[in-house]
PDB file of N, CA and C in Angstrom:
ATOM      1  N   MET A   1      24.801 -24.148-126.903  1.00  0.00           N
ATOM      2  CA  MET A   1      24.044 -24.916-125.967  1.00  0.00           C
ATOM      3  C   MET A   1      22.580 -24.847-126.017  1.00  0.00           C
ATOM      4  N   ILE A   2      21.966 -25.781-125.698  1.00  0.00           N
ATOM      5  CA  ILE A   2      20.631 -25.854-125.795  1.00  0.00           C
ATOM      6  C   ILE A   2      19.859 -25.901-124.312  1.00  0.00           C
ATOM      7  N   LYS A   3      18.649 -25.425-124.383  1.00  0.00           N
ATOM      8  CA  LYS A   3      17.942 -25.249-122.965  1.00  0.00           C
ATOM      9  C   LYS A   3      16.919 -26.462-123.048  1.00  0.00           C
ATOM     10  N   VAL A   4      16.925 -27.135-121.937  1.00  0.00           N
ATOM     11  CA  VAL A   4      15.925 -28.361-121.680  1.00  0.00           C
ATOM     12  C   VAL A   4      15.446 -28.069-120.159  1.00  0.00           C
ATOM     13  N   THR A   5      14.184 -28.892-119.951  1.00  0.00           N
ATOM     14  CA  THR A   5      13.624 -28.798-118.676  1.00  0.00           C
ATOM     15  C   THR A   5      13.502 -30.240-118.194  1.00  0.00           C
ATOM     16  N   ARG A   6      14.058 -30.307-116.798  1.00  0.00           N
ATOM     17  CA  ARG A   6      13.967 -31.642-116.324  1.00  0.00           C
ATOM     18  C   ARG A   6      12.543 -32.024-115.721  1.00  0.00           C
ATOM     19  N   LEU A   7      12.254 -33.183-115.470  1.00  0.00           N
ATOM     20  CA  LEU A   7      10.862 -33.503-115.041  1.00  0.00           C
ATOM     21  C   LEU A   7      10.472 -32.797-113.961  1.00  0.00           C
ATOM     22  N   SER A   8      11.431 -32.275-113.042  1.00  0.00           N
ATOM     23  CA  SER A   8      11.094 -31.494-111.753  1.00  0.00           C
ATOM     24  C   SER A   8      10.763 -30.031-112.134  1.00  0.00           C
ATOM     25  N   GLY A   9      11.116 -29.715-113.408  1.00  0.00           N
ATOM     26  CA  GLY A   9      10.747 -28.275-113.705  1.00  0.00           C
ATOM     27  C   GLY A   9      12.204 -27.286-113.831  1.00  0.00           C
ATOM     28  N   GLU A  10      13.305 -27.913-113.285  1.00  0.00           N
ATOM     29  CA  GLU A  10      14.585 -27.376-113.284  1.00  0.00           C
ATOM     30  C   GLU A  10      15.029 -27.203-114.610  1.00  0.00           C
ATOM     31  N   VAL A  11      15.699 -26.016-115.135  1.00  0.00           N
ATOM     32  CA  VAL A  11      16.037 -25.805-116.413  1.00  0.00           C
ATOM     33  C   VAL A  11      17.431 -26.072-116.362  1.00  0.00           C
ATOM     34  N   LEU A  12      17.980 -26.766-117.631  1.00  0.00           N
ATOM     35  CA  LEU A  12      19.317 -27.040-117.977  1.00  0.00           C
ATOM     36  C   LEU A  12      19.687 -26.550-119.064  1.00  0.00           C
ATOM     37  N   TYR A  13      21.102 -26.270-119.347  1.00  0.00           N
ATOM     38  CA  TYR A  13      21.639 -25.819-120.608  1.00  0.00           C
ATOM     39  C   TYR A  13      22.784 -26.886-120.900  1.00  0.00           C
ATOM     40  N   LEU A  14      22.447 -27.511-122.009  1.00  0.00           N
ATOM     41  CA  LEU A  14      23.431 -28.618-122.260  1.00  0.00           C
ATOM     42  C   LEU A  14      24.263 -28.319-123.470  1.00  0.00           C
ATOM     43  N   ASN A  15      25.526 -28.767-123.509  1.00  0.00           N
ATOM     44  CA  ASN A  15      26.449 -28.557-124.584  1.00  0.00           C
ATOM     45  C   ASN A  15      26.169 -29.706-125.657  1.00  0.00           C
ATOM     46  N   ILE A  16      25.797 -29.176-126.764  1.00  0.00           N
ATOM     47  CA  ILE A  16      25.372 -30.311-127.840  1.00  0.00           C
ATOM     48  C   ILE A  16      26.604 -30.991-128.268  1.00  0.00           C
ATOM     49  N   PHE A  17      27.676 -30.664-127.951  1.00  0.00           N
ATOM     50  CA  PHE A  17      29.003 -31.571-128.585  1.00  0.00           C
ATOM     51  C   PHE A  17      29.084 -32.518-127.554  1.00  0.00           C
ATOM     52  N   GLN A  18      28.503 -32.492-126.454  1.00  0.00           N
ATOM     53  CA  GLN A  18      28.573 -33.529-125.157  1.00  0.00           C
ATOM     54  C   GLN A  18      27.505 -34.470-125.409  1.00  0.00           C
ATOM     55  N   ILE A  19      26.458 -34.385-126.141  1.00  0.00           N
ATOM     56  CA  ILE A  19      25.275 -35.372-126.143  1.00  0.00           C
ATOM     57  C   ILE A  19      25.665 -36.608-126.931  1.00  0.00           C
ATOM     58  N   GLU A  20      25.602 -37.721-126.306  1.00  0.00           N
ATOM     59  CA  GLU A  20      25.841 -39.172-126.816  1.00  0.00           C
ATOM     60  C   GLU A  20      24.737 -39.687-127.693  1.00  0.00           C
ATOM     61  N   SER A  21      23.603 -39.552-126.869  1.00  0.00           N
ATOM     62  CA  SER A  21      22.401 -40.116-127.609  1.00  0.00           C
ATOM     63  C   SER A  21      21.164 -39.516-126.949  1.00  0.00           C
ATOM     64  N   MET A  22      19.958 -39.977-127.478  1.00  0.00           N
ATOM     65  CA  MET A  22      18.767 -39.576-126.808  1.00  0.00           C
ATOM     66  C   MET A  22      17.615 -40.763-127.120  1.00  0.00           C
ATOM     67  N   GLU A  23      16.864 -40.752-126.270  1.00  0.00           N
ATOM     68  CA  GLU A  23      15.985 -41.999-126.067  1.00  0.00           C
ATOM     69  C   GLU A  23      14.776 -41.473-125.813  1.00  0.00           C
ATOM     70  N   SER A  24      13.493 -41.740-126.282  1.00  0.00           N
ATOM     71  CA  SER A  24      12.051 -41.408-125.860  1.00  0.00           C
ATOM     72  C   SER A  24      11.576 -42.721-125.107  1.00  0.00           C
ATOM     73  N   ILE A  25      11.217 -42.444-123.732  1.00  0.00           N
ATOM     74  CA  ILE A  25      10.758 -43.584-123.026  1.00  0.00           C
ATOM     75  C   ILE A  25       9.661 -43.330-121.939  1.00  0.00           C
ATOM     76  N   PRO A  26       8.575 -42.638-122.192  1.00  0.00           N
ATOM     77  CA  PRO A  26       7.995 -41.480-123.151  1.00  0.00           C
ATOM     78  C   PRO A  26       8.558 -40.382-122.967  1.00  0.00           C
ATOM     79  N   GLU A  27       9.204 -40.074-121.767  1.00  0.00           N
ATOM     80  CA  GLU A  27      10.012 -38.766-121.699  1.00  0.00           C
ATOM     81  C   GLU A  27      11.288 -38.882-122.264  1.00  0.00           C
ATOM     82  N   THR A  28      12.125 -37.870-122.491  1.00  0.00           N
ATOM     83  CA  THR A  28      13.276 -37.909-123.335  1.00  0.00           C
ATOM     84  C   THR A  28      14.540 -38.150-122.289  1.00  0.00           C
ATOM     85  N   LYS A  29      15.307 -39.067-122.610  1.00  0.00           N
ATOM     86  CA  LYS A  29      16.426 -39.280-121.823  1.00  0.00           C
ATOM     87  C   LYS A  29      17.683 -39.021-122.600  1.00  0.00           C
ATOM     88  N   ILE A  30      18.493 -38.012-122.188  1.00  0.00           N
ATOM     89  CA  ILE A  30      19.552 -37.521-122.874  1.00  0.00           C
ATOM     90  C   ILE A  30      20.803 -38.121-122.311  1.00  0.00           C
ATOM     91  N   LYS A  31      21.724 -38.896-122.831  1.00  0.00           N
ATOM     92  CA  LYS A  31      22.724 -39.460-122.191  1.00  0.00           C
ATOM     93  C   LYS A  31      23.972 -38.575-122.881  1.00  0.00           C
ATOM     94  N   MET A  32      24.974 -38.317-121.828  1.00  0.00           N
ATOM     95  CA  MET A  32      26.031 -37.406-122.048  1.00  0.00           C
ATOM     96  C   MET A  32      27.190 -38.293-122.368  1.00  0.00           C
ATOM     97  N   MET A  33      28.260 -37.775-122.829  1.00  0.00           N
ATOM     98  CA  MET A  33      29.501 -38.330-123.231  1.00  0.00           C
ATOM     99  C   MET A  33      30.081 -38.868-121.925  1.00  0.00           C
ATOM    100  N   ASN A  34      30.009 -38.186-120.670  1.00  0.00           N
ATOM    101  CA  ASN A  34      30.617 -38.711-119.531  1.00  0.00           C
ATOM    102  C   ASN A  34      29.854 -39.746-118.858  1.00  0.00           C
ATOM    103  N   GLY A  35      28.646 -40.252-119.578  1.00  0.00           N
ATOM    104  CA  GLY A  35      27.945 -41.210-118.675  1.00  0.00           C
ATOM    105  C   GLY A  35      26.759 -40.697-117.997  1.00  0.00           C
ATOM    106  N   TYR A  36      26.813 -39.439-117.589  1.00  0.00           N
ATOM    107  CA  TYR A  36      25.474 -38.984-117.024  1.00  0.00           C
ATOM    108  C   TYR A  36      24.340 -38.870-117.892  1.00  0.00           C
ATOM    109  N   TYR A  37      23.301 -39.160-117.199  1.00  0.00           N
ATOM    110  CA  TYR A  37      22.115 -38.741-118.301  1.00  0.00           C
ATOM    111  C   TYR A  37      20.930 -37.922-117.515  1.00  0.00           C
ATOM    112  N   PHE A  38      20.065 -37.453-118.425  1.00  0.00           N
ATOM    113  CA  PHE A  38      19.025 -36.368-118.030  1.00  0.00           C
ATOM    114  C   PHE A  38      17.680 -36.893-118.637  1.00  0.00           C
ATOM    115  N   LEU A  39      16.775 -36.887-117.565  1.00  0.00           N
ATOM    116  CA  LEU A  39      15.231 -37.040-118.035  1.00  0.00           C
ATOM    117  C   LEU A  39      14.612 -35.631-118.155  1.00  0.00           C
ATOM    118  N   VAL A  40      14.293 -35.407-119.397  1.00  0.00           N
ATOM    119  CA  VAL A  40      13.641 -34.016-119.772  1.00  0.00           C
ATOM    120  C   VAL A  40      12.104 -34.164-120.273  1.00  0.00           C
ATOM    121  N   LYS A  41      11.486 -33.040-119.973  1.00  0.00           N
ATOM    122  CA  LYS A  41      10.060 -32.972-120.427  1.00  0.00           C
ATOM    123  C   LYS A  41      10.084 -32.701-122.167  1.00  0.00           C
ATOM    124  N   ASP A  42      11.141 -32.276-122.654  1.00  0.00           N
ATOM    125  CA  ASP A  42      11.378 -31.699-123.976  1.00  0.00           C
ATOM    126  C   ASP A  42      11.211 -32.980-124.906  1.00  0.00           C
ATOM    127  N   SER A  43      10.501 -32.998-126.097  1.00  0.00           N
ATOM    128  CA  SER A  43      10.577 -34.016-126.950  1.00  0.00           C
ATOM    129  C   SER A  43      11.961 -34.131-127.601  1.00  0.00           C
ATOM    130  N   ALA A  44      12.147 -35.315-128.100  1.00  0.00           N
ATOM    131  CA  ALA A  44      13.456 -35.625-128.973  1.00  0.00           C
ATOM    132  C   ALA A  44      13.435 -34.753-130.197  1.00  0.00           C
ATOM    133  N   ASP A  45      12.372 -34.521-130.765  1.00  0.00           N
ATOM    134  CA  ASP A  45      12.186 -33.790-131.913  1.00  0.00           C
ATOM    135  C   ASP A  45      12.536 -32.226-131.715  1.00  0.00           C
ATOM    136  N   SER A  46      11.980 -31.720-130.416  1.00  0.00           N
ATOM    137  CA  SER A  46      12.166 -30.268-130.104  1.00  0.00           C
ATOM    138  C   SER A  46      13.589 -30.020-129.959  1.00  0.00           C
ATOM    139  N   ILE A  47      14.299 -31.064-129.229  1.00  0.00           N
ATOM    140  CA  ILE A  47      15.847 -30.960-128.979  1.00  0.00           C
ATOM    141  C   ILE A  47      16.515 -30.860-130.233  1.00  0.00           C
ATOM    142  N   ILE A  48      16.134 -31.892-131.201  1.00  0.00           N
ATOM    143  CA  ILE A  48      16.899 -31.956-132.387  1.00  0.00           C
ATOM    144  C   ILE A  48      16.829 -30.534-133.261  1.00  0.00           C
ATOM    145  N   GLN A  49      15.502 -29.937-133.045  1.00  0.00           N
ATOM    146  CA  GLN A  49      15.275 -28.581-133.603  1.00  0.00           C
ATOM    147  C   GLN A  49      16.278 -27.588-133.084  1.00  0.00           C
ATOM    148  N   GLN A  50      16.436 -27.525-131.795  1.00  0.00           N
ATOM    149  CA  GLN A  50      17.325 -26.708-131.090  1.00  0.00           C
ATOM    150  C   GLN A  50      18.799 -26.787-131.734  1.00  0.00           C
ATOM    151  N   ILE A  51      19.269 -28.097-131.764  1.00  0.00           N
ATOM    152  CA  ILE A  51      20.481 -28.500-132.338  1.00  0.00           C
ATOM    153  C   ILE A  51      20.624 -27.896-133.615  1.00  0.00           C
ATOM    154  N   LYS A  52      19.600 -28.127-134.515  1.00  0.00           N
ATOM    155  CA  LYS A  52      19.756 -27.608-135.931  1.00  0.00           C
ATOM    156  C   LYS A  52      19.822 -26.050-135.904  1.00  0.00           C
ATOM    157  N   ALA A  53      19.069 -25.383-135.190  1.00  0.00           N
ATOM    158  CA  ALA A  53      19.110 -23.897-135.051  1.00  0.00           C
ATOM    159  C   ALA A  53      20.460 -23.433-134.469  1.00  0.00           C
ATOM    160  N   PHE A  54      21.005 -24.234-133.627  1.00  0.00           N
ATOM    161  CA  PHE A  54      22.426 -23.676-133.030  1.00  0.00           C
ATOM    162  C   PHE A  54      23.527 -23.902-133.942  1.00  0.00           C
ATOM    163  N   MET A  55      23.445 -25.036-134.780  1.00  0.00           N
ATOM    164  CA  MET A  55      24.389 -25.304-135.930  1.00  0.00           C
ATOM    165  C   MET A  55      24.124 -24.188-137.031  1.00  0.00           C
ATOM    166  N   HIS A  56      23.004 -24.033-137.332  1.00  0.00           N
ATOM    167  CA  HIS A  56      22.543 -23.089-138.353  1.00  0.00           C
ATOM    168  C   HIS A  56      23.170 -21.661-138.011  1.00  0.00           C
ATOM    169  N   SER A  57      23.221 -21.426-136.809  1.00  0.00           N
ATOM    170  CA  SER A  57      23.529 -19.943-136.449  1.00  0.00           C
ATOM    171  C   SER A  57      25.077 -19.731-136.650  1.00  0.00           C
ATOM    172  N   PHE A  58      25.866 -20.834-136.940  1.00  0.00           N
ATOM    173  CA  PHE A  58      27.227 -20.836-137.270  1.00  0.00           C
ATOM    174  C   PHE A  58      27.443 -20.668-138.630  1.00  0.00           C
ATOM    175  N   ILE A  59      26.672 -21.312-139.428  1.00  0.00           N
ATOM    176  CA  ILE A  59      26.631 -21.173-140.738  1.00  0.00           C
ATOM    177  C   ILE A  59      26.360 -19.888-141.694  1.00  0.00           C
ATOM    178  N   ILE A  60      25.043 -19.451-141.104  1.00  0.00           N
ATOM    179  CA  ILE A  60      24.443 -18.223-141.767  1.00  0.00           C
ATOM    180  C   ILE A  60      24.786 -17.043-141.021  1.00  0.00           C
ATOM    181  N   SER A  61      25.292 -16.055-141.641  1.00  0.00           N
ATOM    182  CA  SER A  61      25.806 -14.972-141.015  1.00  0.00           C
ATOM    183  C   SER A  61      24.610 -13.662-141.223  1.00  0.00           C
ATOM    184  N   ASP A  62      24.515 -12.886-140.278  1.00  0.00           N
ATOM    185  CA  ASP A  62      23.571 -11.791-140.348  1.00  0.00           C
ATOM    186  C   ASP A  62      24.170 -10.729-141.161  1.00  0.00           C
ATOM    187  N   ASP A  63      25.308 -10.679-141.114  1.00  0.00           N
ATOM    188  CA  ASP A  63      26.080  -9.521-142.187  1.00  0.00           C
ATOM    189  C   ASP A  63      25.598  -9.506-143.404  1.00  0.00           C
ATOM    190  N   LYS A  64      25.431  -8.324-143.926  1.00  0.00           N
ATOM    191  CA  LYS A  64      24.930  -8.393-145.476  1.00  0.00           C
ATOM    192  C   LYS A  64      25.960  -7.708-146.303  1.00  0.00           C
TER     193      LYS A  64
END
């Protein structure tokens, strides 16, 4: 899950596998698979970085 902040300041945690698309309008609009969407303060680039870090955590193990 990733953490985003709505325009009102409310914090949301979203399932990255349910995100259908993102649009910068200039705030970021995140459209979910169920048709709902969220307007957030976070930039699309910062959300993409969170998604990359989340996915990377599955690939790279801390075990040595």
